Amino acid sequence: MTRPGKLHVGERARFGAYDTQAWGSGGICGDATGKVDTECTQAQLEKAAKTGNATVTVTIRKDGTASEIREQ
């Protein structure tokens, strides 16, 4: 991510860090067939979050920040 910020995942707020990676397989970004994960930009992640069209898995570090956001 280019800047840290709050991400809402379902009912929970999570925080991204500068080194949080986001991977998409068609809903956030990338190949619409979902065959290849593509690294997404923060803008793509924010746009997908607003539409709610992607289901993601978020990996959380011990400090509570997200290390990875991966579209399912």
PDB file of N, CA and C in Angstrom:
ATOM      1  N   MET A   1       0.832  -1.164   0.000  1.00  0.00           N
ATOM      2  CA  MET A   1       0.000   0.000   0.000  1.00  0.00           C
ATOM      3  C   MET A   1       0.885   1.238   0.000  1.00  0.00           C
ATOM      4  N   THR A   2       0.398   2.281  -0.592  1.00  0.00           N
ATOM      5  CA  THR A   2       1.190   3.501  -0.664  1.00  0.00           C
ATOM      6  C   THR A   2       1.062   4.343   0.594  1.00  0.00           C
ATOM      7  N   ARG A   3       0.031   4.082   1.382  1.00  0.00           N
ATOM      8  CA  ARG A   3      -0.127   4.777   2.659  1.00  0.00           C
ATOM      9  C   ARG A   3      -0.933   3.875   3.590  1.00  0.00           C
ATOM     10  N   PRO A   4      -0.648   3.960   4.885  1.00  0.00           N
ATOM     11  CA  PRO A   4      -1.433   3.165   5.810  1.00  0.00           C
ATOM     12  C   PRO A   4      -2.853   3.704   5.905  1.00  0.00           C
ATOM     13  N   GLY A   5      -3.776   2.863   6.291  1.00  0.00           N
ATOM     14  CA  GLY A   5      -5.144   3.321   6.443  1.00  0.00           C
ATOM     15  C   GLY A   5      -6.038   2.237   6.991  1.00  0.00           C
ATOM     16  N   LYS A   6      -7.249   2.624   7.338  1.00  0.00           N
ATOM     17  CA  LYS A   6      -8.223   1.704   7.902  1.00  0.00           C
ATOM     18  C   LYS A   6      -8.966   0.990   6.780  1.00  0.00           C
ATOM     19  N   LEU A   7      -9.107  -0.308   6.928  1.00  0.00           N
ATOM     20  CA  LEU A   7      -9.863  -1.130   5.989  1.00  0.00           C
ATOM     21  C   LEU A   7     -10.984  -1.803   6.766  1.00  0.00           C
ATOM     22  N   HIS A   8     -12.167  -1.790   6.231  1.00  0.00           N
ATOM     23  CA  HIS A   8     -13.280  -2.480   6.874  1.00  0.00           C
ATOM     24  C   HIS A   8     -13.449  -3.832   6.205  1.00  0.00           C
ATOM     25  N   VAL A   9     -13.339  -4.879   7.007  1.00  0.00           N
ATOM     26  CA  VAL A   9     -13.512  -6.242   6.534  1.00  0.00           C
ATOM     27  C   VAL A   9     -14.708  -6.792   7.279  1.00  0.00           C
ATOM     28  N   GLY A  10     -15.831  -6.849   6.584  1.00  0.00           N
ATOM     29  CA  GLY A  10     -17.075  -7.215   7.255  1.00  0.00           C
ATOM     30  C   GLY A  10     -17.416  -6.147   8.275  1.00  0.00           C
ATOM     31  N   GLU A  11     -17.618  -6.560   9.500  1.00  0.00           N
ATOM     32  CA  GLU A  11     -17.956  -5.628  10.578  1.00  0.00           C
ATOM     33  C   GLU A  11     -16.718  -5.119  11.309  1.00  0.00           C
ATOM     34  N   ARG A  12     -15.554  -5.625  10.944  1.00  0.00           N
ATOM     35  CA  ARG A  12     -14.330  -5.283  11.663  1.00  0.00           C
ATOM     36  C   ARG A  12     -13.474  -4.301  10.880  1.00  0.00           C
ATOM     37  N   ALA A  13     -12.827  -3.411  11.613  1.00  0.00           N
ATOM     38  CA  ALA A  13     -11.871  -2.494  11.000  1.00  0.00           C
ATOM     39  C   ALA A  13     -10.473  -3.084  11.175  1.00  0.00           C
ATOM     40  N   ARG A  14      -9.721  -3.100  10.110  1.00  0.00           N
ATOM     41  CA  ARG A  14      -8.327  -3.545  10.135  1.00  0.00           C
ATOM     42  C   ARG A  14      -7.480  -2.419   9.569  1.00  0.00           C
ATOM     43  N   PHE A  15      -6.220  -2.416   9.931  1.00  0.00           N
ATOM     44  CA  PHE A  15      -5.346  -1.357   9.469  1.00  0.00           C
ATOM     45  C   PHE A  15      -4.284  -1.908   8.536  1.00  0.00           C
ATOM     46  N   GLY A  16      -4.141  -1.251   7.398  1.00  0.00           N
ATOM     47  CA  GLY A  16      -3.092  -1.604   6.450  1.00  0.00           C
ATOM     48  C   GLY A  16      -1.836  -0.823   6.781  1.00  0.00           C
ATOM     49  N   ALA A  17      -0.709  -1.332   6.352  1.00  0.00           N
ATOM     50  CA  ALA A  17       0.582  -0.681   6.564  1.00  0.00           C
ATOM     51  C   ALA A  17       1.213  -0.423   5.196  1.00  0.00           C
ATOM     52  N   TYR A  18       2.338   0.278   5.194  1.00  0.00           N
ATOM     53  CA  TYR A  18       3.016   0.568   3.933  1.00  0.00           C
ATOM     54  C   TYR A  18       3.381  -0.701   3.174  1.00  0.00           C
ATOM     55  N   ASP A  19       3.667  -1.772   3.898  1.00  0.00           N
ATOM     56  CA  ASP A  19       4.107  -2.999   3.238  1.00  0.00           C
ATOM     57  C   ASP A  19       2.985  -4.033   3.079  1.00  0.00           C
ATOM     58  N   THR A  20       1.739  -3.640   3.309  1.00  0.00           N
ATOM     59  CA  THR A  20       0.613  -4.559   3.095  1.00  0.00           C
ATOM     60  C   THR A  20       0.476  -4.853   1.610  1.00  0.00           C
ATOM     61  N   GLN A  21       0.386  -6.133   1.275  1.00  0.00           N
ATOM     62  CA  GLN A  21       0.211  -6.535  -0.120  1.00  0.00           C
ATOM     63  C   GLN A  21      -1.241  -6.920  -0.343  1.00  0.00           C
ATOM     64  N   ALA A  22      -1.773  -6.514  -1.490  1.00  0.00           N
ATOM     65  CA  ALA A  22      -3.133  -6.888  -1.873  1.00  0.00           C
ATOM     66  C   ALA A  22      -3.058  -7.672  -3.176  1.00  0.00           C
ATOM     67  N   TRP A  23      -3.737  -8.811  -3.220  1.00  0.00           N
ATOM     68  CA  TRP A  23      -3.728  -9.691  -4.386  1.00  0.00           C
ATOM     69  C   TRP A  23      -5.160  -9.928  -4.843  1.00  0.00           C
ATOM     70  N   GLY A  24      -5.397  -9.769  -6.129  1.00  0.00           N
ATOM     71  CA  GLY A  24      -6.731  -9.954  -6.677  1.00  0.00           C
ATOM     72  C   GLY A  24      -6.771 -11.048  -7.722  1.00  0.00           C
ATOM     73  N   SER A  25      -7.970 -11.574  -7.905  1.00  0.00           N
ATOM     74  CA  SER A  25      -8.171 -12.599  -8.937  1.00  0.00           C
ATOM     75  C   SER A  25      -9.446 -12.309  -9.719  1.00  0.00           C
ATOM     76  N   GLY A  26      -9.621 -11.027 -10.042  1.00  0.00           N
ATOM     77  CA  GLY A  26     -10.745 -10.629 -10.882  1.00  0.00           C
ATOM     78  C   GLY A  26     -11.704  -9.646 -10.258  1.00  0.00           C
ATOM     79  N   GLY A  27     -11.909  -9.703  -8.951  1.00  0.00           N
ATOM     80  CA  GLY A  27     -12.844  -8.784  -8.301  1.00  0.00           C
ATOM     81  C   GLY A  27     -12.193  -7.479  -7.894  1.00  0.00           C
ATOM     82  N   ILE A  28     -10.997  -7.547  -7.325  1.00  0.00           N
ATOM     83  CA  ILE A  28     -10.265  -6.349  -6.937  1.00  0.00           C
ATOM     84  C   ILE A  28      -9.471  -5.848  -8.129  1.00  0.00           C
ATOM     85  N   CYS A  29      -8.719  -6.730  -8.719  1.00  0.00           N
ATOM     86  CA  CYS A  29      -7.925  -6.444  -9.911  1.00  0.00           C
ATOM     87  C   CYS A  29      -7.539  -7.783 -10.528  1.00  0.00           C
ATOM     88  N   GLY A  30      -6.921  -7.749 -11.669  1.00  0.00           N
ATOM     89  CA  GLY A  30      -6.397  -8.972 -12.259  1.00  0.00           C
ATOM     90  C   GLY A  30      -7.315  -9.656 -13.242  1.00  0.00           C
ATOM     91  N   ASP A  31      -6.965 -10.873 -13.543  1.00  0.00           N
ATOM     92  CA  ASP A  31      -7.632 -11.708 -14.529  1.00  0.00           C
ATOM     93  C   ASP A  31      -9.032 -12.092 -14.067  1.00  0.00           C
ATOM     94  N   ALA A  32     -10.030 -11.742 -14.821  1.00  0.00           N
ATOM     95  CA  ALA A  32     -11.419 -12.015 -14.442  1.00  0.00           C
ATOM     96  C   ALA A  32     -11.741 -13.504 -14.364  1.00  0.00           C
ATOM     97  N   THR A  33     -10.905 -14.351 -14.950  1.00  0.00           N
ATOM     98  CA  THR A  33     -11.137 -15.793 -14.857  1.00  0.00           C
ATOM     99  C   THR A  33     -10.697 -16.331 -13.501  1.00  0.00           C
ATOM    100  N   GLY A  34      -9.927 -15.522 -12.752  1.00  0.00           N
ATOM    101  CA  GLY A  34      -9.482 -15.940 -11.428  1.00  0.00           C
ATOM    102  C   GLY A  34      -8.379 -16.969 -11.434  1.00  0.00           C
ATOM    103  N   LYS A  35      -7.738 -17.169 -12.570  1.00  0.00           N
ATOM    104  CA  LYS A  35      -6.701 -18.198 -12.661  1.00  0.00           C
ATOM    105  C   LYS A  35      -5.353 -17.731 -12.147  1.00  0.00           C
ATOM    106  N   VAL A  36      -5.119 -16.407 -12.155  1.00  0.00           N
ATOM    107  CA  VAL A  36      -3.821 -15.872 -11.756  1.00  0.00           C
ATOM    108  C   VAL A  36      -4.039 -14.738 -10.770  1.00  0.00           C
ATOM    109  N   ASP A  37      -3.370 -14.812  -9.612  1.00  0.00           N
ATOM    110  CA  ASP A  37      -3.427 -13.696  -8.676  1.00  0.00           C
ATOM    111  C   ASP A  37      -2.520 -12.577  -9.176  1.00  0.00           C
ATOM    112  N   THR A  38      -3.008 -11.352  -9.070  1.00  0.00           N
ATOM    113  CA  THR A  38      -2.276 -10.178  -9.520  1.00  0.00           C
ATOM    114  C   THR A  38      -2.147  -9.214  -8.352  1.00  0.00           C
ATOM    115  N   GLU A  39      -0.972  -8.599  -8.191  1.00  0.00           N
ATOM    116  CA  GLU A  39      -0.820  -7.616  -7.130  1.00  0.00           C
ATOM    117  C   GLU A  39      -1.632  -6.376  -7.491  1.00  0.00           C
ATOM    118  N   CYS A  40      -2.437  -5.916  -6.552  1.00  0.00           N
ATOM    119  CA  CYS A  40      -3.345  -4.790  -6.783  1.00  0.00           C
ATOM    120  C   CYS A  40      -2.782  -3.507  -6.186  1.00  0.00           C
ATOM    121  N   THR A  41      -3.239  -2.397  -6.718  1.00  0.00           N
ATOM    122  CA  THR A  41      -2.862  -1.098  -6.174  1.00  0.00           C
ATOM    123  C   THR A  41      -3.808  -0.746  -5.031  1.00  0.00           C
ATOM    124  N   GLN A  42      -3.423   0.228  -4.264  1.00  0.00           N
ATOM    125  CA  GLN A  42      -4.283   0.681  -3.180  1.00  0.00           C
ATOM    126  C   GLN A  42      -5.578   1.259  -3.739  1.00  0.00           C
ATOM    127  N   ALA A  43      -5.499   1.968  -4.851  1.00  0.00           N
ATOM    128  CA  ALA A  43      -6.705   2.534  -5.467  1.00  0.00           C
ATOM    129  C   ALA A  43      -7.676   1.443  -5.889  1.00  0.00           C
ATOM    130  N   GLN A  44      -7.158   0.355  -6.449  1.00  0.00           N
ATOM    131  CA  GLN A  44      -8.016  -0.763  -6.847  1.00  0.00           C
ATOM    132  C   GLN A  44      -8.665  -1.413  -5.630  1.00  0.00           C
ATOM    133  N   LEU A  45      -7.892  -1.560  -4.565  1.00  0.00           N
ATOM    134  CA  LEU A  45      -8.413  -2.154  -3.336  1.00  0.00           C
ATOM    135  C   LEU A  45      -9.516  -1.275  -2.744  1.00  0.00           C
ATOM    136  N   GLU A  46      -9.293   0.028  -2.701  1.00  0.00           N
ATOM    137  CA  GLU A  46     -10.288   0.946  -2.149  1.00  0.00           C
ATOM    138  C   GLU A  46     -11.565   0.944  -2.986  1.00  0.00           C
ATOM    139  N   LYS A  47     -11.425   0.906  -4.300  1.00  0.00           N
ATOM    140  CA  LYS A  47     -12.598   0.872  -5.186  1.00  0.00           C
ATOM    141  C   LYS A  47     -13.407  -0.409  -4.955  1.00  0.00           C
ATOM    142  N   ALA A  48     -12.730  -1.538  -4.857  1.00  0.00           N
ATOM    143  CA  ALA A  48     -13.410  -2.814  -4.628  1.00  0.00           C
ATOM    144  C   ALA A  48     -14.086  -2.834  -3.258  1.00  0.00           C
ATOM    145  N   ALA A  49     -13.446  -2.224  -2.264  1.00  0.00           N
ATOM    146  CA  ALA A  49     -14.029  -2.183  -0.924  1.00  0.00           C
ATOM    147  C   ALA A  49     -15.329  -1.386  -0.916  1.00  0.00           C
ATOM    148  N   LYS A  50     -15.376  -0.323  -1.700  1.00  0.00           N
ATOM    149  CA  LYS A  50     -16.588   0.503  -1.755  1.00  0.00           C
ATOM    150  C   LYS A  50     -17.744  -0.226  -2.432  1.00  0.00           C
ATOM    151  N   THR A  51     -17.447  -1.058  -3.421  1.00  0.00           N
ATOM    152  CA  THR A  51     -18.511  -1.782  -4.121  1.00  0.00           C
ATOM    153  C   THR A  51     -18.897  -3.061  -3.396  1.00  0.00           C
ATOM    154  N   GLY A  52     -17.974  -3.609  -2.597  1.00  0.00           N
ATOM    155  CA  GLY A  52     -18.262  -4.832  -1.847  1.00  0.00           C
ATOM    156  C   GLY A  52     -18.365  -6.073  -2.710  1.00  0.00           C
ATOM    157  N   ASN A  53     -17.718  -6.058  -3.875  1.00  0.00           N
ATOM    158  CA  ASN A  53     -17.831  -7.170  -4.811  1.00  0.00           C
ATOM    159  C   ASN A  53     -16.796  -8.267  -4.626  1.00  0.00           C
ATOM    160  N   ALA A  54     -15.897  -8.139  -3.678  1.00  0.00           N
ATOM    161  CA  ALA A  54     -14.839  -9.134  -3.527  1.00  0.00           C
ATOM    162  C   ALA A  54     -14.867  -9.739  -2.129  1.00  0.00           C
ATOM    163  N   THR A  55     -14.620 -11.030  -2.063  1.00  0.00           N
ATOM    164  CA  THR A  55     -14.454 -11.727  -0.794  1.00  0.00           C
ATOM    165  C   THR A  55     -12.962 -11.910  -0.595  1.00  0.00           C
ATOM    166  N   VAL A  56     -12.461 -11.506   0.581  1.00  0.00           N
ATOM    167  CA  VAL A  56     -11.023 -11.541   0.811  1.00  0.00           C
ATOM    168  C   VAL A  56     -10.679 -12.279   2.096  1.00  0.00           C
ATOM    169  N   THR A  57      -9.433 -12.719   2.153  1.00  0.00           N
ATOM    170  CA  THR A  57      -8.826 -13.232   3.365  1.00  0.00           C
ATOM    171  C   THR A  57      -7.762 -12.233   3.766  1.00  0.00           C
ATOM    172  N   VAL A  58      -7.772 -11.823   5.027  1.00  0.00           N
ATOM    173  CA  VAL A  58      -6.800 -10.840   5.516  1.00  0.00           C
ATOM    174  C   VAL A  58      -5.899 -11.527   6.524  1.00  0.00           C
ATOM    175  N   THR A  59      -4.587 -11.424   6.296  1.00  0.00           N
ATOM    176  CA  THR A  59      -3.601 -11.961   7.232  1.00  0.00           C
ATOM    177  C   THR A  59      -3.172 -10.815   8.137  1.00  0.00           C
ATOM    178  N   ILE A  60      -3.331 -11.020   9.457  1.00  0.00           N
ATOM    179  CA  ILE A  60      -3.063  -9.978  10.439  1.00  0.00           C
ATOM    180  C   ILE A  60      -1.785 -10.306  11.213  1.00  0.00           C
ATOM    181  N   ARG A  61      -0.930  -9.297  11.354  1.00  0.00           N
ATOM    182  CA  ARG A  61       0.284  -9.442  12.166  1.00  0.00           C
ATOM    183  C   ARG A  61      -0.079  -9.346  13.658  1.00  0.00           C
ATOM    184  N   LYS A  62       0.883  -9.662  14.502  1.00  0.00           N
ATOM    185  CA  LYS A  62       0.674  -9.563  15.948  1.00  0.00           C
ATOM    186  C   LYS A  62       0.366  -8.133  16.381  1.00  0.00           C
ATOM    187  N   ASP A  63       0.866  -7.142  15.633  1.00  0.00           N
ATOM    188  CA  ASP A  63       0.604  -5.744  16.006  1.00  0.00           C
ATOM    189  C   ASP A  63      -0.764  -5.253  15.533  1.00  0.00           C
ATOM    190  N   GLY A  64      -1.532  -6.127  14.869  1.00  0.00           N
ATOM    191  CA  GLY A  64      -2.884  -5.775  14.450  1.00  0.00           C
ATOM    192  C   GLY A  64      -3.000  -5.208  13.046  1.00  0.00           C
ATOM    193  N   THR A  65      -1.888  -5.002  12.351  1.00  0.00           N
ATOM    194  CA  THR A  65      -1.954  -4.493  10.982  1.00  0.00           C
ATOM    195  C   THR A  65      -2.037  -5.653   9.999  1.00  0.00           C
ATOM    196  N   ALA A  66      -2.586  -5.369   8.840  1.00  0.00           N
ATOM    197  CA  ALA A  66      -2.713  -6.392   7.799  1.00  0.00           C
ATOM    198  C   ALA A  66      -1.392  -6.538   7.059  1.00  0.00           C
ATOM    199  N   SER A  67      -0.925  -7.767   6.903  1.00  0.00           N
ATOM    200  CA  SER A  67       0.284  -7.999   6.105  1.00  0.00           C
ATOM    201  C   SER A  67      -0.087  -8.360   4.672  1.00  0.00           C
ATOM    202  N   GLU A  68      -1.274  -8.979   4.506  1.00  0.00           N
ATOM    203  CA  GLU A  68      -1.694  -9.394   3.172  1.00  0.00           C
ATOM    204  C   GLU A  68      -3.220  -9.415   3.086  1.00  0.00           C
ATOM    205  N   ILE A  69      -3.713  -8.984   1.952  1.00  0.00           N
ATOM    206  CA  ILE A  69      -5.135  -9.062   1.633  1.00  0.00           C
ATOM    207  C   ILE A  69      -5.212  -9.843   0.327  1.00  0.00           C
ATOM    208  N   ARG A  70      -5.893 -10.979   0.363  1.00  0.00           N
ATOM    209  CA  ARG A  70      -5.934 -11.851  -0.809  1.00  0.00           C
ATOM    210  C   ARG A  70      -7.381 -12.181  -1.143  1.00  0.00           C
ATOM    211  N   GLU A  71      -7.735 -11.921  -2.391  1.00  0.00           N
ATOM    212  CA  GLU A  71      -9.092 -12.235  -2.846  1.00  0.00           C
ATOM    213  C   GLU A  71      -9.269 -13.753  -2.914  1.00  0.00           C
ATOM    214  N   GLN A  72     -10.423 -14.219  -2.485  1.00  0.00           N
ATOM    215  CA  GLN A  72     -10.690 -15.659  -2.509  1.00  0.00           C
ATOM    216  C   GLN A  72     -11.253 -16.084  -3.842  1.00  0.00           C
TER     217      GLN A  72
END
